[in-house]
Amino acid sequence: DRLDIYAQMVDALVADYAVKRRLMLSVLPR
């Protein structure tokens, strides 16, 4: 379920940092 897990982790980061805290979320995959 690696891609599903990745998607859920990104969703959680978006919800906390971008929506709740009103920050720009910047992600650099390998």
All heavy atoms as atom14 arrays in JSON, in Angstrom:
{
  "sequence": "DRLDIYAQMVDALVADYAVKRRLMLSVLPR",
  "atom14_mask": [
    [1, 1, 1, 1, 1, 1, 1, 1, 0, 0, 0, 0, 0, 0],
    [1, 1, 1, 1, 1, 1, 1, 1, 1, 1, 1, 0, 0, 0],
    [1, 1, 1, 1, 1, 1, 1, 1, 0, 0, 0, 0, 0, 0],
    [1, 1, 1, 1, 1, 1, 1, 1, 0, 0, 0, 0, 0, 0],
    [1, 1, 1, 1, 1, 1, 1, 1, 0, 0, 0, 0, 0, 0],
    [1, 1, 1, 1, 1, 1, 1, 1, 1, 1, 1, 1, 0, 0],
    [1, 1, 1, 1, 1, 0, 0, 0, 0, 0, 0, 0, 0, 0],
    [1, 1, 1, 1, 1, 1, 1, 1, 1, 0, 0, 0, 0, 0],
    [1, 1, 1, 1, 1, 1, 1, 1, 0, 0, 0, 0, 0, 0],
    [1, 1, 1, 1, 1, 1, 1, 0, 0, 0, 0, 0, 0, 0],
    [1, 1, 1, 1, 1, 1, 1, 1, 0, 0, 0, 0, 0, 0],
    [1, 1, 1, 1, 1, 0, 0, 0, 0, 0, 0, 0, 0, 0],
    [1, 1, 1, 1, 1, 1, 1, 1, 0, 0, 0, 0, 0, 0],
    [1, 1, 1, 1, 1, 1, 1, 0, 0, 0, 0, 0, 0, 0],
    [1, 1, 1, 1, 1, 0, 0, 0, 0, 0, 0, 0, 0, 0],
    [1, 1, 1, 1, 1, 1, 1, 1, 0, 0, 0, 0, 0, 0],
    [1, 1, 1, 1, 1, 1, 1, 1, 1, 1, 1, 1, 0, 0],
    [1, 1, 1, 1, 1, 0, 0, 0, 0, 0, 0, 0, 0, 0],
    [1, 1, 1, 1, 1, 1, 1, 0, 0, 0, 0, 0, 0, 0],
    [1, 1, 1, 1, 1, 1, 1, 1, 1, 0, 0, 0, 0, 0],
    [1, 1, 1, 1, 1, 1, 1, 1, 1, 1, 1, 0, 0, 0],
    [1, 1, 1, 1, 1, 1, 1, 1, 1, 1, 1, 0, 0, 0],
    [1, 1, 1, 1, 1, 1, 1, 1, 0, 0, 0, 0, 0, 0],
    [1, 1, 1, 1, 1, 1, 1, 1, 0, 0, 0, 0, 0, 0],
    [1, 1, 1, 1, 1, 1, 1, 1, 0, 0, 0, 0, 0, 0],
    [1, 1, 1, 1, 1, 1, 0, 0, 0, 0, 0, 0, 0, 0],
    [1, 1, 1, 1, 1, 1, 1, 0, 0, 0, 0, 0, 0, 0],
    [1, 1, 1, 1, 1, 1, 1, 1, 0, 0, 0, 0, 0, 0],
    [1, 1, 1, 1, 1, 1, 1, 0, 0, 0, 0, 0, 0, 0],
    [1, 1, 1, 1, 1, 1, 1, 1, 1, 1, 1, 0, 0, 0]
  ],
  "atom14_positions": [
    [[0.82, -1.21, 0.0], [0.0, 0.0, 0.0], [0.86, 1.26, 0.0], [0.42, 2.31, 0.48], [-0.92, 0.02, 1.23], [-1.92, -1.1, 1.22], [-2.3, -1.54, 0.12], [-2.31, -1.56, 2.3], [0.0, 0.0, 0.0], [0.0, 0.0, 0.0], [0.0, 0.0, 0.0], [0.0, 0.0, 0.0], [0.0, 0.0, 0.0], [0.0, 0.0, 0.0]],
    [[2.07, 1.18, -0.52], [3.02, 2.28, -0.37], [2.47, 3.6, -0.92], [2.62, 4.64, -0.28], [4.35, 1.94, -1.05], [4.29, 1.71, -2.55], [5.68, 1.39, -3.12], [6.64, 2.44, -2.83], [6.78, 3.54, -3.53], [6.0, 3.75, -4.58], [7.66, 4.45, -3.2], [0.0, 0.0, 0.0], [0.0, 0.0, 0.0], [0.0, 0.0, 0.0]],
    [[1.83, 3.58, -2.08], [1.34, 4.83, -2.66], [0.15, 5.37, -1.89], [-0.01, 6.59, -1.74], [0.98, 4.62, -4.13], [2.17, 4.32, -5.06], [1.71, 4.13, -6.49], [3.22, 5.43, -4.98], [0.0, 0.0, 0.0], [0.0, 0.0, 0.0], [0.0, 0.0, 0.0], [0.0, 0.0, 0.0], [0.0, 0.0, 0.0], [0.0, 0.0, 0.0]],
    [[-0.68, 4.47, -1.37], [-1.81, 4.91, -0.54], [-1.3, 5.52, 0.76], [-1.81, 6.56, 1.22], [-2.72, 3.72, -0.25], [-3.9, 4.12, 0.63], [-4.67, 5.0, 0.23], [-4.04, 3.55, 1.74], [0.0, 0.0, 0.0], [0.0, 0.0, 0.0], [0.0, 0.0, 0.0], [0.0, 0.0, 0.0], [0.0, 0.0, 0.0], [0.0, 0.0, 0.0]],
    [[-0.29, 4.9, 1.35], [0.29, 5.44, 2.58], [0.92, 6.79, 2.31], [0.74, 7.74, 3.08], [1.33, 4.46, 3.16], [0.65, 3.2, 3.68], [2.13, 5.12, 4.28], [1.61, 2.09, 4.08], [0.0, 0.0, 0.0], [0.0, 0.0, 0.0], [0.0, 0.0, 0.0], [0.0, 0.0, 0.0], [0.0, 0.0, 0.0], [0.0, 0.0, 0.0]],
    [[1.64, 6.91, 1.2], [2.26, 8.19, 0.85], [1.18, 9.27, 0.69], [1.32, 10.38, 1.22], [3.07, 8.05, -0.43], [3.8, 9.33, -0.82], [5.03, 9.65, -0.25], [3.25, 10.2, -1.75], [5.68, 10.83, -0.59], [3.9, 11.39, -2.09], [5.13, 11.69, -1.51], [5.77, 12.85, -1.84], [0.0, 0.0, 0.0], [0.0, 0.0, 0.0]],
    [[0.12, 8.94, -0.02], [-0.96, 9.9, -0.24], [-1.59, 10.33, 1.08], [-1.9, 11.52, 1.28], [-2.02, 9.3, -1.17], [0.0, 0.0, 0.0], [0.0, 0.0, 0.0], [0.0, 0.0, 0.0], [0.0, 0.0, 0.0], [0.0, 0.0, 0.0], [0.0, 0.0, 0.0], [0.0, 0.0, 0.0], [0.0, 0.0, 0.0], [0.0, 0.0, 0.0]],
    [[-1.8, 9.39, 2.0], [-2.38, 9.74, 3.3], [-1.44, 10.6, 4.12], [-1.88, 11.5, 4.85], [-2.74, 8.47, 4.06], [-3.94, 7.71, 3.49], [-4.38, 6.59, 4.41], [-4.7, 6.81, 5.58], [-4.38, 5.38, 3.9], [0.0, 0.0, 0.0], [0.0, 0.0, 0.0], [0.0, 0.0, 0.0], [0.0, 0.0, 0.0], [0.0, 0.0, 0.0]],
    [[-0.13, 10.33, 4.04], [0.82, 11.17, 4.77], [0.79, 12.6, 4.22], [0.81, 13.57, 5.0], [2.23, 10.59, 4.67], [2.44, 9.3, 5.46], [4.19, 8.81, 5.65], [4.64, 8.42, 3.96], [0.0, 0.0, 0.0], [0.0, 0.0, 0.0], [0.0, 0.0, 0.0], [0.0, 0.0, 0.0], [0.0, 0.0, 0.0], [0.0, 0.0, 0.0]],
    [[0.76, 12.74, 2.9], [0.69, 14.07, 2.29], [-0.6, 14.77, 2.71], [-0.58, 15.96, 3.06], [0.79, 13.97, 0.76], [0.48, 15.32, 0.1], [2.19, 13.51, 0.35], [0.0, 0.0, 0.0], [0.0, 0.0, 0.0], [0.0, 0.0, 0.0], [0.0, 0.0, 0.0], [0.0, 0.0, 0.0], [0.0, 0.0, 0.0], [0.0, 0.0, 0.0]],
    [[-1.72, 14.05, 2.7], [-3.0, 14.65, 3.12], [-2.92, 15.17, 4.55], [-3.42, 16.26, 4.86], [-4.13, 13.63, 3.01], [-4.56, 13.37, 1.58], [-4.16, 14.15, 0.69], [-5.28, 12.37, 1.36], [0.0, 0.0, 0.0], [0.0, 0.0, 0.0], [0.0, 0.0, 0.0], [0.0, 0.0, 0.0], [0.0, 0.0, 0.0], [0.0, 0.0, 0.0]],
    [[-2.29, 14.39, 5.43], [-2.17, 14.8, 6.82], [-1.3, 16.04, 6.97], [-1.6, 16.95, 7.76], [-1.6, 13.65, 7.66], [0.0, 0.0, 0.0], [0.0, 0.0, 0.0], [0.0, 0.0, 0.0], [0.0, 0.0, 0.0], [0.0, 0.0, 0.0], [0.0, 0.0, 0.0], [0.0, 0.0, 0.0], [0.0, 0.0, 0.0], [0.0, 0.0, 0.0]],
    [[-0.21, 16.11, 6.19], [0.66, 17.29, 6.24], [-0.06, 18.53, 5.71], [0.08, 19.62, 6.26], [1.94, 17.03, 5.43], [2.88, 15.95, 5.97], [4.06, 15.75, 5.02], [3.37, 16.29, 7.37], [0.0, 0.0, 0.0], [0.0, 0.0, 0.0], [0.0, 0.0, 0.0], [0.0, 0.0, 0.0], [0.0, 0.0, 0.0], [0.0, 0.0, 0.0]],
    [[-0.81, 18.34, 4.63], [-1.58, 19.45, 4.08], [-2.58, 19.97, 5.12], [-2.7, 21.18, 5.36], [-2.32, 19.03, 2.79], [-3.38, 20.07, 2.41], [-1.33, 18.85, 1.65], [0.0, 0.0, 0.0], [0.0, 0.0, 0.0], [0.0, 0.0, 0.0], [0.0, 0.0, 0.0], [0.0, 0.0, 0.0], [0.0, 0.0, 0.0], [0.0, 0.0, 0.0]],
    [[-3.31, 19.05, 5.75], [-4.34, 19.44, 6.72], [-3.75, 20.2, 7.9], [-4.34, 21.18, 8.37], [-5.09, 18.2, 7.21], [0.0, 0.0, 0.0], [0.0, 0.0, 0.0], [0.0, 0.0, 0.0], [0.0, 0.0, 0.0], [0.0, 0.0, 0.0], [0.0, 0.0, 0.0], [0.0, 0.0, 0.0], [0.0, 0.0, 0.0], [0.0, 0.0, 0.0]],
    [[-2.59, 19.76, 8.37], [-2.01, 20.38, 9.56], [-1.25, 21.66, 9.23], [-1.5, 22.71, 9.82], [-1.07, 19.4, 10.26], [-0.61, 19.93, 11.61], [-1.4, 19.87, 12.56], [0.54, 20.42, 11.69], [0.0, 0.0, 0.0], [0.0, 0.0, 0.0], [0.0, 0.0, 0.0], [0.0, 0.0, 0.0], [0.0, 0.0, 0.0], [0.0, 0.0, 0.0]],
    [[-0.32, 21.58, 8.27], [0.57, 22.71, 8.03], [-0.03, 23.76, 7.08], [0.13, 24.96, 7.32], [1.92, 22.22, 7.48], [2.71, 21.45, 8.51], [2.67, 20.06, 8.56], [3.49, 22.12, 9.45], [3.38, 19.36, 9.51], [4.21, 21.43, 10.41], [4.16, 20.04, 10.44], [4.85, 19.36, 11.4], [0.0, 0.0, 0.0], [0.0, 0.0, 0.0]],
    [[-0.68, 23.31, 6.02], [-1.2, 24.27, 5.04], [-2.56, 24.83, 5.44], [-2.8, 26.03, 5.31], [-1.3, 23.6, 3.66], [0.0, 0.0, 0.0], [0.0, 0.0, 0.0], [0.0, 0.0, 0.0], [0.0, 0.0, 0.0], [0.0, 0.0, 0.0], [0.0, 0.0, 0.0], [0.0, 0.0, 0.0], [0.0, 0.0, 0.0], [0.0, 0.0, 0.0]],
    [[-3.46, 23.97, 5.92], [-4.82, 24.43, 6.24], [-4.9, 24.98, 7.66], [-5.27, 26.14, 7.87], [-5.83, 23.27, 6.05], [-7.23, 23.73, 6.46], [-5.82, 22.79, 4.61], [0.0, 0.0, 0.0], [0.0, 0.0, 0.0], [0.0, 0.0, 0.0], [0.0, 0.0, 0.0], [0.0, 0.0, 0.0], [0.0, 0.0, 0.0], [0.0, 0.0, 0.0]],
    [[-4.53, 24.17, 8.64], [-4.68, 24.58, 10.04], [-3.72, 25.7, 10.42], [-4.12, 26.7, 11.03], [-4.48, 23.38, 10.94], [-4.64, 23.68, 12.43], [-4.43, 22.41, 13.26], [-4.54, 22.7, 14.75], [-4.32, 21.46, 15.55], [0.0, 0.0, 0.0], [0.0, 0.0, 0.0], [0.0, 0.0, 0.0], [0.0, 0.0, 0.0], [0.0, 0.0, 0.0]],
    [[-2.44, 25.55, 10.06], [-1.44, 26.54, 10.49], [-1.23, 27.66, 9.47], [-0.49, 28.6, 9.73], [-0.1, 25.85, 10.76], [-0.15, 24.77, 11.83], [1.24, 24.53, 12.37], [1.44, 23.16, 12.78], [2.57, 22.67, 13.25], [3.63, 23.46, 13.36], [2.68, 21.41, 13.6], [0.0, 0.0, 0.0], [0.0, 0.0, 0.0], [0.0, 0.0, 0.0]],
    [[-1.81, 27.51, 8.29], [-1.75, 28.54, 7.25], [-0.3, 28.82, 6.81], [0.12, 29.96, 6.66], [-2.43, 29.83, 7.73], [-3.87, 29.65, 8.15], [-4.47, 30.91, 8.72], [-4.69, 31.91, 7.68], [-5.82, 32.03, 6.98], [-6.84, 31.21, 7.21], [-5.95, 32.96, 6.07], [0.0, 0.0, 0.0], [0.0, 0.0, 0.0], [0.0, 0.0, 0.0]],
    [[0.45, 27.75, 6.57], [1.82, 27.85, 6.08], [1.89, 27.36, 4.64], [0.99, 26.65, 4.19], [2.77, 27.0, 6.93], [2.72, 27.2, 8.46], [3.66, 26.22, 9.13], [3.06, 28.63, 8.81], [0.0, 0.0, 0.0], [0.0, 0.0, 0.0], [0.0, 0.0, 0.0], [0.0, 0.0, 0.0], [0.0, 0.0, 0.0], [0.0, 0.0, 0.0]],
    [[2.95, 27.71, 3.92], [3.19, 27.06, 2.63], [3.92, 25.76, 2.92], [4.94, 25.74, 3.62], [4.03, 27.92, 1.7], [4.41, 27.16, 0.41], [5.36, 28.13, -0.78], [4.0, 28.86, -1.71], [0.0, 0.0, 0.0], [0.0, 0.0, 0.0], [0.0, 0.0, 0.0], [0.0, 0.0, 0.0], [0.0, 0.0, 0.0], [0.0, 0.0, 0.0]],
    [[3.39, 24.67, 2.41], [4.0, 23.36, 2.55], [4.86, 23.07, 1.33], [4.38, 23.12, 0.21], [2.91, 22.28, 2.69], [3.36, 20.82, 2.74], [4.27, 20.58, 3.93], [2.14, 19.9, 2.79], [0.0, 0.0, 0.0], [0.0, 0.0, 0.0], [0.0, 0.0, 0.0], [0.0, 0.0, 0.0], [0.0, 0.0, 0.0], [0.0, 0.0, 0.0]],
    [[6.13, 22.77, 1.57], [7.09, 22.54, 0.48], [7.67, 21.14, 0.61], [8.29, 20.81, 1.63], [8.21, 23.59, 0.55], [9.14, 23.41, -0.48], [0.0, 0.0, 0.0], [0.0, 0.0, 0.0], [0.0, 0.0, 0.0], [0.0, 0.0, 0.0], [0.0, 0.0, 0.0], [0.0, 0.0, 0.0], [0.0, 0.0, 0.0], [0.0, 0.0, 0.0]],
    [[7.47, 20.31, -0.42], [7.87, 18.91, -0.38], [8.84, 18.63, -1.52], [8.59, 18.99, -2.67], [6.66, 17.97, -0.5], [7.09, 16.51, -0.55], [5.7, 18.21, 0.67], [0.0, 0.0, 0.0], [0.0, 0.0, 0.0], [0.0, 0.0, 0.0], [0.0, 0.0, 0.0], [0.0, 0.0, 0.0], [0.0, 0.0, 0.0], [0.0, 0.0, 0.0]],
    [[9.96, 17.97, -1.21], [10.92, 17.56, -2.23], [11.1, 16.05, -2.16], [11.78, 15.53, -1.29], [12.28, 18.25, -2.03], [13.37, 17.85, -3.03], [12.95, 18.2, -4.46], [14.69, 18.53, -2.69], [0.0, 0.0, 0.0], [0.0, 0.0, 0.0], [0.0, 0.0, 0.0], [0.0, 0.0, 0.0], [0.0, 0.0, 0.0], [0.0, 0.0, 0.0]],
    [[10.45, 15.3, -3.08], [10.64, 13.84, -3.1], [12.03, 13.47, -3.58], [12.71, 14.26, -4.25], [9.58, 13.36, -4.11], [8.69, 14.53, -4.36], [9.53, 15.74, -4.12], [0.0, 0.0, 0.0], [0.0, 0.0, 0.0], [0.0, 0.0, 0.0], [0.0, 0.0, 0.0], [0.0, 0.0, 0.0], [0.0, 0.0, 0.0], [0.0, 0.0, 0.0]],
    [[12.46, 12.27, -3.25], [13.76, 11.82, -3.73], [13.64, 11.34, -5.17], [12.53, 11.12, -5.69], [14.33, 10.71, -2.85], [13.53, 9.41, -2.8], [14.24, 8.42, -1.9], [13.6, 7.1, -1.9], [14.14, 6.02, -1.36], [15.31, 6.1, -0.76], [13.52, 4.85, -1.4], [0.0, 0.0, 0.0], [0.0, 0.0, 0.0], [0.0, 0.0, 0.0]]
  ]
}
